[in-house]
Each structure stands twice: as C-alpha cells, then as structure tokens.
C-alpha atoms as a PDB file:
ATOM      1  CA  UNK A   1       4.773  21.312 -31.189  1.00  0.00           C
ATOM      2  CA  UNK A   2       4.815  18.640 -28.557  1.00  0.00           C
ATOM      3  CA  UNK A   3       2.022  18.206 -25.977  1.00  0.00           C
ATOM      4  CA  UNK A   4       4.031  20.088 -23.356  1.00  0.00           C
ATOM      5  CA  UNK A   5       4.556  23.109 -25.654  1.00  0.00           C
ATOM      6  CA  UNK A   6       1.009  22.973 -27.021  1.00  0.00           C
ATOM      7  CA  UNK A   7      -0.508  23.354 -23.570  1.00  0.00           C
ATOM      8  CA  UNK A   8       2.139  25.722 -22.255  1.00  0.00           C
ATOM      9  CA  UNK A   9      -0.457  28.281 -21.121  1.00  0.00           C
ATOM     10  CA  UNK A  10      -2.070  25.651 -18.924  1.00  0.00           C
ATOM     11  CA  UNK A  11       1.223  24.697 -17.345  1.00  0.00           C
ATOM     12  CA  UNK A  12       2.037  28.397 -16.703  1.00  0.00           C
ATOM     13  CA  UNK A  13      -1.440  28.903 -15.098  1.00  0.00           C
ATOM     14  CA  UNK A  14      -0.811  25.955 -12.818  1.00  0.00           C
ATOM     15  CA  UNK A  15       2.659  27.287 -12.055  1.00  0.00           C
ATOM     16  CA  UNK A  16       1.171  30.621 -11.031  1.00  0.00           C
ATOM     17  CA  UNK A  17      -1.250  28.937  -8.605  1.00  0.00           C
ATOM     18  CA  UNK A  18       1.504  26.643  -7.298  1.00  0.00           C
ATOM     19  CA  UNK A  19       3.771  29.603  -6.710  1.00  0.00           C
ATOM     20  CA  UNK A  20       1.161  31.491  -4.678  1.00  0.00           C
ATOM     21  CA  UNK A  21       0.422  28.319  -2.688  1.00  0.00           C
ATOM     22  CA  UNK A  22       4.044  27.746  -1.922  1.00  0.00           C
ATOM     23  CA  UNK A  23       4.480  31.364  -0.889  1.00  0.00           C
ATOM     24  CA  UNK A  24       1.610  30.871   1.606  1.00  0.00           C
ATOM     25  CA  UNK A  25       2.442  27.421   2.875  1.00  0.00           C
ATOM     26  CA  UNK A  26       6.275  27.663   2.979  1.00  0.00           C
ATOM     27  CA  UNK A  27       7.200  31.302   3.465  1.00  0.00           C
ATOM     28  CA  UNK A  28      10.669  30.350   4.867  1.00  0.00           C
ATOM     29  CA  UNK A  29      11.582  28.609   1.619  1.00  0.00           C
ATOM     30  CA  UNK A  30      10.490  31.616  -0.408  1.00  0.00           C
ATOM     31  CA  UNK A  31      12.475  33.944   1.850  1.00  0.00           C
ATOM     32  CA  UNK A  32      15.575  31.807   1.305  1.00  0.00           C
ATOM     33  CA  UNK A  33      15.158  32.074  -2.424  1.00  0.00           C
ATOM     34  CA  UNK A  34      14.559  35.866  -2.189  1.00  0.00           C
ATOM     35  CA  UNK A  35      17.807  36.237  -0.105  1.00  0.00           C
ATOM     36  CA  UNK A  36      19.974  34.820  -2.951  1.00  0.00           C
ATOM     37  CA  UNK A  37      20.330  38.193  -4.602  1.00  0.00           C
ATOM     38  CA  UNK A  38      23.146  40.299  -5.963  1.00  0.00           C
ATOM     39  CA  UNK A  39      22.607  43.847  -7.227  1.00  0.00           C
ATOM     40  CA  UNK A  40      18.799  43.372  -7.150  1.00  0.00           C
ATOM     41  CA  UNK A  41      19.091  40.286  -9.304  1.00  0.00           C
ATOM     42  CA  UNK A  42      17.879  37.020  -7.875  1.00  0.00           C
ATOM     43  CA  UNK A  43      20.486  34.367  -8.563  1.00  0.00           C
ATOM     44  CA  UNK A  44      18.005  31.486  -8.630  1.00  0.00           C
ATOM     45  CA  UNK A  45      15.934  33.242 -11.189  1.00  0.00           C
ATOM     46  CA  UNK A  46      19.078  34.254 -13.173  1.00  0.00           C
ATOM     47  CA  UNK A  47      20.169  30.620 -13.422  1.00  0.00           C
ATOM     48  CA  UNK A  48      16.679  29.634 -14.749  1.00  0.00           C
ATOM     49  CA  UNK A  49      16.587  32.479 -17.211  1.00  0.00           C
ATOM     50  CA  UNK A  50      20.112  31.475 -18.366  1.00  0.00           C
ATOM     51  CA  UNK A  51      18.796  27.962 -18.944  1.00  0.00           C
ATOM     52  CA  UNK A  52      15.920  29.503 -21.029  1.00  0.00           C
ATOM     53  CA  UNK A  53      18.208  31.666 -23.115  1.00  0.00           C
ATOM     54  CA  UNK A  54      21.086  29.202 -23.758  1.00  0.00           C
ATOM     55  CA  UNK A  55      19.215  26.954 -26.198  1.00  0.00           C
ATOM     56  CA  UNK A  56      18.472  29.901 -28.478  1.00  0.00           C
ATOM     57  CA  UNK A  57      22.022  31.222 -28.253  1.00  0.00           C
ATOM     58  CA  UNK A  58      23.221  27.830 -29.691  1.00  0.00           C
ATOM     59  CA  UNK A  59      21.388  28.927 -32.847  1.00  0.00           C
ATOM     60  CA  UNK A  60      23.281  32.275 -33.108  1.00  0.00           C
ATOM     61  CA  UNK A  61      25.664  32.389 -36.084  1.00  0.00           C
ATOM     62  CA  UNK A  62      27.962  35.385 -35.746  1.00  0.00           C
ATOM     63  CA  UNK A  63      28.838  35.053 -39.402  1.00  0.00           C
ATOM     64  CA  UNK A  64      25.284  35.930 -40.231  1.00  0.00           C
ATOM     65  CA  UNK A  65      25.185  39.229 -38.296  1.00  0.00           C
ATOM     66  CA  UNK A  66      26.214  41.120 -41.425  1.00  0.00           C
ATOM     67  CA  UNK A  67      22.879  40.037 -42.898  1.00  0.00           C
ATOM     68  CA  UNK A  68      21.096  42.267 -40.466  1.00  0.00           C
ATOM     69  CA  UNK A  69      22.061  45.221 -42.609  1.00  0.00           C
ATOM     70  CA  UNK A  70      19.971  43.716 -45.414  1.00  0.00           C
ATOM     71  CA  UNK A  71      16.869  43.729 -43.150  1.00  0.00           C
ATOM     72  CA  UNK A  72      17.097  47.060 -41.238  1.00  0.00           C
ATOM     73  CA  UNK A  73      13.328  47.607 -41.027  1.00  0.00           C
ATOM     74  CA  UNK A  74      12.850  45.248 -38.051  1.00  0.00           C
ATOM     75  CA  UNK A  75      15.510  46.983 -36.083  1.00  0.00           C
ATOM     76  CA  UNK A  76      14.127  50.409 -36.907  1.00  0.00           C
ATOM     77  CA  UNK A  77      10.643  49.386 -35.824  1.00  0.00           C
ATOM     78  CA  UNK A  78      12.022  48.079 -32.488  1.00  0.00           C
ATOM     79  CA  UNK A  79      14.085  51.190 -31.767  1.00  0.00           C
ATOM     80  CA  UNK A  80      11.251  53.617 -32.737  1.00  0.00           C
ATOM     81  CA  UNK A  81       8.672  51.829 -30.591  1.00  0.00           C
ATOM     82  CA  UNK A  82      10.891  51.239 -27.604  1.00  0.00           C
ATOM     83  CA  UNK A  83      12.400  54.733 -27.270  1.00  0.00           C
ATOM     84  CA  UNK A  84      10.113  57.154 -29.008  1.00  0.00           C
ATOM     85  CA  UNK A  85       6.707  55.730 -28.120  1.00  0.00           C
ATOM     86  CA  UNK A  86       6.643  53.193 -25.313  1.00  0.00           C
ATOM     87  CA  UNK A  87       7.886  55.194 -22.324  1.00  0.00           C
ATOM     88  CA  UNK A  88       5.470  58.056 -23.100  1.00  0.00           C
ATOM     89  CA  UNK A  89       2.379  55.938 -23.718  1.00  0.00           C
ATOM     90  CA  UNK A  90       3.035  54.116 -20.414  1.00  0.00           C
ATOM     91  CA  UNK A  91       3.294  57.398 -18.567  1.00  0.00           C
ATOM     92  CA  UNK A  92       0.112  58.675 -20.273  1.00  0.00           C
ATOM     93  CA  UNK A  93      -1.862  55.562 -19.336  1.00  0.00           C
ATOM     94  CA  UNK A  94      -0.492  55.597 -15.740  1.00  0.00           C
ATOM     95  CA  UNK A  95      -1.622  59.170 -15.257  1.00  0.00           C
ATOM     96  CA  UNK A  96      -4.961  58.613 -16.939  1.00  0.00           C
ATOM     97  CA  UNK A  97      -5.887  55.620 -14.800  1.00  0.00           C
ATOM     98  CA  UNK A  98      -4.451  56.570 -11.391  1.00  0.00           C
ATOM     99  CA  UNK A  99      -5.089  60.317 -11.445  1.00  0.00           C
ATOM    100  CA  UNK A 100      -8.586  60.019 -12.952  1.00  0.00           C
ATOM    101  CA  UNK A 101     -10.205  56.596 -13.623  1.00  0.00           C
ATOM    102  CA  UNK A 102      -9.091  54.964 -10.387  1.00  0.00           C
ATOM    103  CA  UNK A 103      -9.088  58.112  -8.251  1.00  0.00           C
ATOM    104  CA  UNK A 104     -12.168  57.087  -6.153  1.00  0.00           C
ATOM    105  CA  UNK A 105     -10.354  53.972  -4.945  1.00  0.00           C
ATOM    106  CA  UNK A 106      -6.705  55.034  -4.665  1.00  0.00           C
ATOM    107  CA  UNK A 107      -5.317  57.629  -2.246  1.00  0.00           C
ATOM    108  CA  UNK A 108      -3.446  60.408  -4.188  1.00  0.00           C
ATOM    109  CA  UNK A 109      -0.091  59.695  -2.526  1.00  0.00           C
ATOM    110  CA  UNK A 110      -0.423  55.989  -3.480  1.00  0.00           C
ATOM    111  CA  UNK A 111      -1.449  56.928  -6.994  1.00  0.00           C
ATOM    112  CA  UNK A 112       1.736  58.868  -7.559  1.00  0.00           C
ATOM    113  CA  UNK A 113       3.755  55.936  -6.416  1.00  0.00           C
ATOM    114  CA  UNK A 114       1.995  53.576  -8.788  1.00  0.00           C
ATOM    115  CA  UNK A 115       2.499  56.045 -11.664  1.00  0.00           C
ATOM    116  CA  UNK A 116       6.243  56.182 -10.937  1.00  0.00           C
ATOM    117  CA  UNK A 117       6.537  52.429 -10.951  1.00  0.00           C
ATOM    118  CA  UNK A 118       4.743  52.163 -14.263  1.00  0.00           C
ATOM    119  CA  UNK A 119       6.982  54.806 -15.809  1.00  0.00           C
ATOM    120  CA  UNK A 120      10.007  52.785 -14.733  1.00  0.00           C
ATOM    121  CA  UNK A 121       8.544  49.718 -16.381  1.00  0.00           C
ATOM    122  CA  UNK A 122       7.802  51.550 -19.625  1.00  0.00           C
ATOM    123  CA  UNK A 123      11.332  52.944 -19.962  1.00  0.00           C
ATOM    124  CA  UNK A 124      13.082  49.557 -19.707  1.00  0.00           C
ATOM    125  CA  UNK A 125      12.710  47.236 -22.754  1.00  0.00           C
ATOM    126  CA  UNK A 126      13.384  43.529 -22.389  1.00  0.00           C
ATOM    127  CA  UNK A 127      16.895  42.047 -22.242  1.00  0.00           C
ATOM    128  CA  UNK A 128      16.617  38.378 -21.399  1.00  0.00           C
ATOM    129  CA  UNK A 129      13.135  36.906 -21.749  1.00  0.00           C
ATOM    130  CA  UNK A 130      12.721  38.110 -25.322  1.00  0.00           C
ATOM    131  CA  UNK A 131      15.093  35.283 -26.332  1.00  0.00           C
ATOM    132  CA  UNK A 132      12.554  32.890 -24.946  1.00  0.00           C
ATOM    133  CA  UNK A 133       9.600  34.522 -26.742  1.00  0.00           C
ATOM    134  CA  UNK A 134      11.654  34.692 -29.966  1.00  0.00           C
ATOM    135  CA  UNK A 135      12.428  30.986 -29.675  1.00  0.00           C
ATOM    136  CA  UNK A 136       8.729  30.104 -29.169  1.00  0.00           C
ATOM    137  CA  UNK A 137       7.792  32.019 -32.367  1.00  0.00           C
ATOM    138  CA  UNK A 138      10.729  30.519 -34.356  1.00  0.00           C
ATOM    139  CA  UNK A 139      12.425  33.865 -34.503  1.00  0.00           C
ATOM    140  CA  UNK A 140      15.817  34.517 -36.117  1.00  0.00           C
ATOM    141  CA  UNK A 141      18.225  33.995 -33.233  1.00  0.00           C
ATOM    142  CA  UNK A 142      21.015  36.044 -34.705  1.00  0.00           C
ATOM    143  CA  UNK A 143      18.754  39.004 -35.570  1.00  0.00           C
ATOM    144  CA  UNK A 144      17.193  38.908 -32.036  1.00  0.00           C
ATOM    145  CA  UNK A 145      20.554  39.085 -30.464  1.00  0.00           C
ATOM    146  CA  UNK A 146      21.455  42.194 -32.512  1.00  0.00           C
ATOM    147  CA  UNK A 147      18.115  43.825 -31.547  1.00  0.00           C
ATOM    148  CA  UNK A 148      18.673  43.162 -27.835  1.00  0.00           C
ATOM    149  CA  UNK A 149      22.297  44.284 -28.003  1.00  0.00           C
ATOM    150  CA  UNK A 150      21.474  47.568 -29.710  1.00  0.00           C
ATOM    151  CA  UNK A 151      18.622  48.215 -27.181  1.00  0.00           C
ATOM    152  CA  UNK A 152      20.948  47.575 -24.285  1.00  0.00           C
ATOM    153  CA  UNK A 153      23.502  50.085 -25.665  1.00  0.00           C
ATOM    154  CA  UNK A 154      20.798  52.689 -26.019  1.00  0.00           C
ATOM    155  CA  UNK A 155      19.437  51.894 -22.541  1.00  0.00           C
ATOM    156  CA  UNK A 156      22.822  52.758 -21.020  1.00  0.00           C
ATOM    157  CA  UNK A 157      22.554  56.378 -22.179  1.00  0.00           C
ATOM    158  CA  UNK A 158      18.739  56.922 -22.549  1.00  0.00           C
ATOM    159  CA  UNK A 159      17.099  55.223 -19.556  1.00  0.00           C
ATOM    160  CA  UNK A 160      18.048  57.792 -16.884  1.00  0.00           C
ATOM    161  CA  UNK A 161      17.182  60.940 -18.901  1.00  0.00           C
ATOM    162  CA  UNK A 162      13.784  59.481 -20.041  1.00  0.00           C
ATOM    163  CA  UNK A 163      12.892  58.433 -16.485  1.00  0.00           C
ATOM    164  CA  UNK A 164      14.059  61.778 -15.052  1.00  0.00           C
ATOM    165  CA  UNK A 165      11.941  63.680 -17.596  1.00  0.00           C
ATOM    166  CA  UNK A 166       8.798  61.585 -16.988  1.00  0.00           C
ATOM    167  CA  UNK A 167       9.122  61.557 -13.181  1.00  0.00           C
ATOM    168  CA  UNK A 168      10.013  65.253 -13.055  1.00  0.00           C
ATOM    169  CA  UNK A 169      13.140  64.633 -11.010  1.00  0.00           C
ATOM    170  CA  UNK A 170      16.783  64.938 -11.861  1.00  0.00           C
ATOM    171  CA  UNK A 171      18.584  62.830  -9.222  1.00  0.00           C
ATOM    172  CA  UNK A 172      17.883  59.481 -10.790  1.00  0.00           C
ATOM    173  CA  UNK A 173      20.554  57.026  -9.827  1.00  0.00           C
ATOM    174  CA  UNK A 174      20.785  54.208 -12.299  1.00  0.00           C
ATOM    175  CA  UNK A 175      21.924  50.957 -10.606  1.00  0.00           C
ATOM    176  CA  UNK A 176      24.794  50.255 -13.021  1.00  0.00           C
ATOM    177  CA  UNK A 177      25.606  46.994 -11.184  1.00  0.00           C
ATOM    178  CA  UNK A 178      22.170  45.701 -12.059  1.00  0.00           C
ATOM    179  CA  UNK A 179      22.344  46.837 -15.590  1.00  0.00           C
ATOM    180  CA  UNK A 180      25.817  45.372 -16.258  1.00  0.00           C
ATOM    181  CA  UNK A 181      25.294  42.175 -14.312  1.00  0.00           C
ATOM    182  CA  UNK A 182      22.012  41.451 -16.082  1.00  0.00           C
ATOM    183  CA  UNK A 183      23.627  41.990 -19.468  1.00  0.00           C
ATOM    184  CA  UNK A 184      26.507  39.680 -18.538  1.00  0.00           C
ATOM    185  CA  UNK A 185      24.281  36.981 -17.106  1.00  0.00           C
ATOM    186  CA  UNK A 186      21.562  37.044 -19.723  1.00  0.00           C
ATOM    187  CA  UNK A 187      23.391  37.914 -22.893  1.00  0.00           C
ATOM    188  CA  UNK A 188      27.191  37.636 -22.690  1.00  0.00           C
ATOM    189  CA  UNK A 189      27.501  34.385 -20.819  1.00  0.00           C
ATOM    190  CA  UNK A 190      24.798  32.351 -22.641  1.00  0.00           C
ATOM    191  CA  UNK A 191      26.059  33.752 -25.961  1.00  0.00           C
ATOM    192  CA  UNK A 192      29.630  32.666 -25.185  1.00  0.00           C
ATOM    193  CA  UNK A 193      28.388  29.213 -24.147  1.00  0.00           C
ATOM    194  CA  UNK A 194      26.294  28.913 -27.265  1.00  0.00           C
ATOM    195  CA  UNK A 195      29.240  29.863 -29.536  1.00  0.00           C
ATOM    196  CA  UNK A 196      31.452  27.371 -27.817  1.00  0.00           C
ATOM    197  CA  UNK A 197      28.807  24.688 -28.227  1.00  0.00           C
ATOM    198  CA  UNK A 198      28.456  25.468 -31.922  1.00  0.00           C
ATOM    199  CA  UNK A 199      32.215  25.162 -32.395  1.00  0.00           C
ATOM    200  CA  UNK A 200      32.303  21.848 -30.498  1.00  0.00           C
ATOM    201  CA  UNK A 201      29.384  20.372 -32.464  1.00  0.00           C
ATOM    202  CA  UNK A 202      30.761  21.428 -35.852  1.00  0.00           C
ATOM    203  CA  UNK A 203      28.046  20.595 -38.436  1.00  0.00           C
ATOM    204  CA  UNK A 204      24.682  22.238 -38.736  1.00  0.00           C
ATOM    205  CA  UNK A 205      22.953  18.907 -38.470  1.00  0.00           C
ATOM    206  CA  UNK A 206      24.627  18.246 -35.102  1.00  0.00           C
ATOM    207  CA  UNK A 207      23.723  21.762 -33.908  1.00  0.00           C
ATOM    208  CA  UNK A 208      20.049  21.261 -34.857  1.00  0.00           C
ATOM    209  CA  UNK A 209      19.921  17.896 -33.117  1.00  0.00           C
ATOM    210  CA  UNK A 210      21.482  19.336 -30.002  1.00  0.00           C
ATOM    211  CA  UNK A 211      19.105  22.288 -29.977  1.00  0.00           C
ATOM    212  CA  UNK A 212      16.146  19.933 -30.169  1.00  0.00           C
ATOM    213  CA  UNK A 213      17.387  18.005 -27.179  1.00  0.00           C
ATOM    214  CA  UNK A 214      17.975  21.037 -24.919  1.00  0.00           C
ATOM    215  CA  UNK A 215      14.921  23.000 -25.981  1.00  0.00           C
ATOM    216  CA  UNK A 216      12.584  21.251 -23.437  1.00  0.00           C
ATOM    217  CA  UNK A 217      14.845  22.480 -20.625  1.00  0.00           C
ATOM    218  CA  UNK A 218      14.117  26.022 -21.778  1.00  0.00           C
ATOM    219  CA  UNK A 219      10.357  25.461 -21.267  1.00  0.00           C
ATOM    220  CA  UNK A 220      10.885  23.693 -17.932  1.00  0.00           C
ATOM    221  CA  UNK A 221      12.984  26.646 -16.744  1.00  0.00           C
ATOM    222  CA  UNK A 222      10.214  29.047 -17.804  1.00  0.00           C
ATOM    223  CA  UNK A 223       7.681  27.116 -15.706  1.00  0.00           C
ATOM    224  CA  UNK A 224      10.048  27.006 -12.674  1.00  0.00           C
ATOM    225  CA  UNK A 225      10.667  30.771 -13.012  1.00  0.00           C
ATOM    226  CA  UNK A 226       6.909  31.451 -12.948  1.00  0.00           C
ATOM    227  CA  UNK A 227       6.542  29.360  -9.779  1.00  0.00           C
ATOM    228  CA  UNK A 228       9.320  31.362  -8.032  1.00  0.00           C
ATOM    229  CA  UNK A 229       8.080  34.775  -9.158  1.00  0.00           C
ATOM    230  CA  UNK A 230       4.582  34.093  -7.942  1.00  0.00           C
ATOM    231  CA  UNK A 231       5.932  32.465  -4.764  1.00  0.00           C
ATOM    232  CA  UNK A 232       7.935  35.564  -3.969  1.00  0.00           C
ATOM    233  CA  UNK A 233       4.870  37.779  -4.407  1.00  0.00           C
ATOM    234  CA  UNK A 234       2.129  35.426  -3.197  1.00  0.00           C
ATOM    235  CA  UNK A 235       1.687  37.217   0.095  1.00  0.00           C
ATOM    236  CA  UNK A 236       1.290  40.591  -1.630  1.00  0.00           C
ATOM    237  CA  UNK A 237      -1.194  39.113  -4.155  1.00  0.00           C
ATOM    238  CA  UNK A 238      -3.369  37.669  -1.430  1.00  0.00           C
ATOM    239  CA  UNK A 239      -3.144  40.823   0.716  1.00  0.00           C
ATOM    240  CA  UNK A 240      -3.911  43.412  -1.932  1.00  0.00           C
ATOM    241  CA  UNK A 241      -5.837  41.689  -4.761  1.00  0.00           C
ATOM    242  CA  UNK A 242      -7.743  44.821  -5.812  1.00  0.00           C
ATOM    243  CA  UNK A 243      -4.604  46.980  -6.031  1.00  0.00           C
ATOM    244  CA  UNK A 244      -2.863  44.271  -8.075  1.00  0.00           C
ATOM    245  CA  UNK A 245      -5.776  44.197 -10.540  1.00  0.00           C
ATOM    246  CA  UNK A 246      -5.848  48.014 -10.808  1.00  0.00           C
ATOM    247  CA  UNK A 247      -2.149  48.260 -11.501  1.00  0.00           C
ATOM    248  CA  UNK A 248      -2.411  45.436 -14.040  1.00  0.00           C
ATOM    249  CA  UNK A 249      -5.059  47.303 -16.158  1.00  0.00           C
ATOM    250  CA  UNK A 250      -2.797  49.966 -17.709  1.00  0.00           C
ATOM    251  CA  UNK A 251       0.014  47.411 -18.042  1.00  0.00           C
ATOM    252  CA  UNK A 252      -2.265  45.108 -20.054  1.00  0.00           C
ATOM    253  CA  UNK A 253      -3.461  47.920 -22.321  1.00  0.00           C
ATOM    254  CA  UNK A 254       0.086  49.071 -22.887  1.00  0.00           C
ATOM    255  CA  UNK A 255       1.377  45.611 -23.559  1.00  0.00           C
ATOM    256  CA  UNK A 256      -1.191  44.695 -26.181  1.00  0.00           C
ATOM    257  CA  UNK A 257      -1.167  48.189 -27.663  1.00  0.00           C
ATOM    258  CA  UNK A 258       2.599  48.272 -28.083  1.00  0.00           C
ATOM    259  CA  UNK A 259       2.682  44.800 -29.602  1.00  0.00           C
ATOM    260  CA  UNK A 260      -0.116  45.746 -32.063  1.00  0.00           C
ATOM    261  CA  UNK A 261       1.791  48.851 -33.059  1.00  0.00           C
ATOM    262  CA  UNK A 262       5.116  47.133 -33.563  1.00  0.00           C
ATOM    263  CA  UNK A 263       3.704  43.945 -35.121  1.00  0.00           C
ATOM    264  CA  UNK A 264       1.456  46.018 -37.402  1.00  0.00           C
ATOM    265  CA  UNK A 265       4.251  48.291 -38.488  1.00  0.00           C
ATOM    266  CA  UNK A 266       6.484  45.200 -39.235  1.00  0.00           C
ATOM    267  CA  UNK A 267       3.618  43.728 -41.267  1.00  0.00           C
ATOM    268  CA  UNK A 268       3.098  47.010 -43.215  1.00  0.00           C
ATOM    269  CA  UNK A 269       6.841  47.199 -43.949  1.00  0.00           C
ATOM    270  CA  UNK A 270       6.825  43.522 -45.101  1.00  0.00           C
ATOM    271  CA  UNK A 271       9.338  42.383 -42.463  1.00  0.00           C
ATOM    272  CA  UNK A 272       9.737  38.583 -42.481  1.00  0.00           C
ATOM    273  CA  UNK A 273       7.945  36.885 -39.585  1.00  0.00           C
ATOM    274  CA  UNK A 274      11.074  35.464 -37.996  1.00  0.00           C
ATOM    275  CA  UNK A 275      12.156  39.071 -37.496  1.00  0.00           C
ATOM    276  CA  UNK A 276       8.767  40.704 -36.999  1.00  0.00           C
ATOM    277  CA  UNK A 277       7.659  38.573 -34.055  1.00  0.00           C
ATOM    278  CA  UNK A 278      10.778  39.152 -31.915  1.00  0.00           C
ATOM    279  CA  UNK A 279      10.847  42.836 -32.915  1.00  0.00           C
ATOM    280  CA  UNK A 280       7.361  43.244 -31.423  1.00  0.00           C
ATOM    281  CA  UNK A 281       8.112  41.168 -28.384  1.00  0.00           C
ATOM    282  CA  UNK A 282      11.096  43.268 -27.249  1.00  0.00           C
ATOM    283  CA  UNK A 283       9.028  46.408 -26.768  1.00  0.00           C
ATOM    284  CA  UNK A 284       6.078  44.527 -25.246  1.00  0.00           C
ATOM    285  CA  UNK A 285       8.076  42.856 -22.463  1.00  0.00           C
ATOM    286  CA  UNK A 286      10.176  44.726 -19.833  1.00  0.00           C
ATOM    287  CA  UNK A 287      13.615  44.611 -18.221  1.00  0.00           C
ATOM    288  CA  UNK A 288      11.954  44.121 -14.870  1.00  0.00           C
ATOM    289  CA  UNK A 289      15.143  43.656 -12.869  1.00  0.00           C
ATOM    290  CA  UNK A 290      16.206  47.209 -13.763  1.00  0.00           C
ATOM    291  CA  UNK A 291      12.785  48.661 -13.121  1.00  0.00           C
ATOM    292  CA  UNK A 292      12.440  46.974  -9.725  1.00  0.00           C
ATOM    293  CA  UNK A 293      15.954  47.993  -8.667  1.00  0.00           C
ATOM    294  CA  UNK A 294      15.402  51.652  -9.561  1.00  0.00           C
ATOM    295  CA  UNK A 295      12.017  51.706  -7.836  1.00  0.00           C
ATOM    296  CA  UNK A 296      13.511  50.325  -4.631  1.00  0.00           C
ATOM    297  CA  UNK A 297      16.504  52.717  -4.730  1.00  0.00           C
ATOM    298  CA  UNK A 298      14.261  55.777  -5.341  1.00  0.00           C
ATOM    299  CA  UNK A 299      11.184  54.971  -3.317  1.00  0.00           C
ATOM    300  CA  UNK A 300      11.951  52.109  -0.993  1.00  0.00           C
ATOM    301  CA  UNK A 301      11.368  48.305  -0.846  1.00  0.00           C
ATOM    302  CA  UNK A 302       7.804  48.642   0.467  1.00  0.00           C
ATOM    303  CA  UNK A 303       6.781  51.512  -1.801  1.00  0.00           C
ATOM    304  CA  UNK A 304       3.907  51.603  -4.223  1.00  0.00           C
ATOM    305  CA  UNK A 305       6.398  52.184  -7.043  1.00  0.00           C
ATOM    306  CA  UNK A 306       8.161  48.898  -6.217  1.00  0.00           C
ATOM    307  CA  UNK A 307       4.841  47.110  -6.074  1.00  0.00           C
ATOM    308  CA  UNK A 308       3.858  48.429  -9.496  1.00  0.00           C
ATOM    309  CA  UNK A 309       7.074  47.115 -11.063  1.00  0.00           C
ATOM    310  CA  UNK A 310       6.518  43.709  -9.405  1.00  0.00           C
ATOM    311  CA  UNK A 311       2.982  43.537 -10.856  1.00  0.00           C
ATOM    312  CA  UNK A 312       4.626  44.111 -14.259  1.00  0.00           C
ATOM    313  CA  UNK A 313       6.637  40.948 -13.628  1.00  0.00           C
ATOM    314  CA  UNK A 314       3.522  38.976 -12.702  1.00  0.00           C
ATOM    315  CA  UNK A 315       1.484  40.106 -15.743  1.00  0.00           C
ATOM    316  CA  UNK A 316       4.291  39.656 -18.263  1.00  0.00           C
ATOM    317  CA  UNK A 317       4.443  35.884 -18.653  1.00  0.00           C
ATOM    318  CA  UNK A 318       0.694  35.261 -19.272  1.00  0.00           C
ATOM    319  CA  UNK A 319       0.529  38.279 -21.617  1.00  0.00           C
ATOM    320  CA  UNK A 320       3.585  37.265 -23.590  1.00  0.00           C
ATOM    321  CA  UNK A 321       2.369  33.649 -23.966  1.00  0.00           C
ATOM    322  CA  UNK A 322      -0.866  34.976 -25.439  1.00  0.00           C
ATOM    323  CA  UNK A 323       1.039  37.114 -27.890  1.00  0.00           C
ATOM    324  CA  UNK A 324       3.333  34.235 -28.781  1.00  0.00           C
ATOM    325  CA  UNK A 325       0.165  32.194 -29.635  1.00  0.00           C
ATOM    326  CA  UNK A 326      -1.166  35.072 -31.747  1.00  0.00           C
ATOM    327  CA  UNK A 327       2.138  35.594 -33.547  1.00  0.00           C
ATOM    328  CA  UNK A 328       2.293  31.842 -34.385  1.00  0.00           C
ATOM    329  CA  UNK A 329      -1.257  31.857 -35.692  1.00  0.00           C
ATOM    330  CA  UNK A 330      -0.567  34.845 -37.962  1.00  0.00           C
ATOM    331  CA  UNK A 331       2.756  33.615 -39.356  1.00  0.00           C
ATOM    332  CA  UNK A 332       1.311  33.042 -42.846  1.00  0.00           C
ATOM    333  CA  UNK A 333       0.433  36.771 -43.189  1.00  0.00           C
ATOM    334  CA  UNK A 334       4.109  37.766 -43.230  1.00  0.00           C
ATOM    335  CA  UNK A 335       6.834  37.141 -45.778  1.00  0.00           C
ATOM    336  CA  UNK A 336       8.698  33.964 -45.001  1.00  0.00           C
ATOM    337  CA  UNK A 337      12.146  35.531 -45.357  1.00  0.00           C
ATOM    338  CA  UNK A 338      15.337  33.694 -46.223  1.00  0.00           C
END
C-alpha cells in the first residue's frame, strides 16, 4: 500500500472536519451541491461514487461468473445476514436504546422517529460503496458484483414488506425512481464502462496496469465524497451534537455486530478471504440513498427519521474503514482461494 492508502483513515478524518467547516463557512456552496438532486440521489455524490466503483468494475470478468456456483457459501452468508437477521436486530437495538436506555433524554415522539429511521437503514443493504470496500480488501470483483446484484433483486421485492412489518404500517411507498436510478448509476453504468475498457485493453497485463493507474482516483473520490457528505450535514452536526451521538450508538453496535457475525460465519465455513471480506461488508454498510428517500417521503425532510438515516451516512465511512483495516490484518486466517 502507498502512503496515501496507508493513512487513509487520517485523510478521511481530515475530510470530515473540512466538510463541517465548509458547511459552516460557505453554506451557499453546500446548498448548491445539495440542489443537484434527482429522485433523492445527489448527482455530485453519484459522479464521485461512480469514480470509486469504476476501477473495480474493470476487474470484473463476466466469464468467471459461473465460478460463483463453486463458492456458494459466501453468497448464502450474505443473503442470510442481510435479510433474515440485519433488519430485525437493527429494529431491536433501536427500540432498546430509544424506548429505554435513552428515554430520559429523548422525547417519546422523537424517539419513535429515530426508531423508524434506523429501521429503514437496517432494511437496505449496500449497493454501491461495497465495491469500494471490496477493492480495499482485495476482494473478488466478479463475486462482489454477483452478491450485490442478487441483493438488489431481493431488495425490489423484500424491502417494502420488511419495513412495513417493522414499522407497523402498510402504506409504505417505495421510491422506485431512487432504487432504479441508483442501480443504473452505481452498478449498470460502471459495469458497462468496465467491460468496454477490458475489451479495449485486451490482455490481462494491460488490464492490471490500467487498474493500477486509475485506482488512486477511487481513493480521491472517496475523500471528496466524505467532504461533501459532512458539508451537507455540518449545520445539523453542530446544532444537535448530542442527538447525533445518541443515534450513532445503536448504528455502531449494529455495524460491528453484523460484520462480526457475517465475517465469523464465513471464517467458520472456510470461505476464501477475497469472498469473505466483501460478503461481510455488504450487510454492514447501507443503501443510504434509499433509506433517506423513504424517510423523507414517509415522515418529511425535517423529521427525526430522516435525521437518523443521515447519521447512518455519517457513521458509515469511518466504521467501514476500521473494518477494512481489520479484514486486511486477518487475511492470513482465511483460505487464500483460487
């Protein structure tokens, strides 16, 4: 790893501080960035995420997809954790903390809003950023693509019923524009560009050399995304620091707990590390665009539910970087794979 990648956590921390400062000093600039939005997806952030995802998509070999069938355990772990465990543990933690542990400091009506937002986060596994985390752990690009694609297909039919059940309401309106647009922007387009690039480059040596050249842009885009995300929410962070911290507590417990469960299951099942690491990352991170969009449509832009989903965005990058570091340190404990 180069110096830039080795100290990535430091650069992200500086980006977080810079983002909050920019949000405070230049609110007009932040508002202009926030206004560039379609179907609850910020187009500036979308471009940066695309730049993060594209280098990994260059490594996707469609001819190797059939090999996924020879390693089904990683996919099974991902699906079981994401859809049978994660939404329900997030709901349990949300109720535990906001109805009981934090009850002395949070008004009951606010507590219910925060619980709703956390449930929305827990029911939406990651679509885009997992490609970045997979790349940082030297994950199998092709297998990661299959895992994300299968999760997206399940999300289309399972997200609304799970959320409706956990929220106790039946009139959940899924913002299909957000779901479809995010899939196209973060999966379909970068995958298409990656496949075209592979075809143009021809040899594997040329592909590897090209990937090495564009990889730094993925990290730079990650840093820029963090600056923007914290810039967009800088005012809220400064205005409600205690609420932000309280909402972050169950998210942190959920994130590290889900990762431990998925990563541990993959280790017990002897899943190769290049599959095990991304398989644990998918459930740990969240499809925050979808969660934020649903929170706004159900409860309003200034609701506690929307705030809770935004805190999920703010917490995710530092948490995932810590898990990337842990996964890289424990690589030797897993089978190497082919």
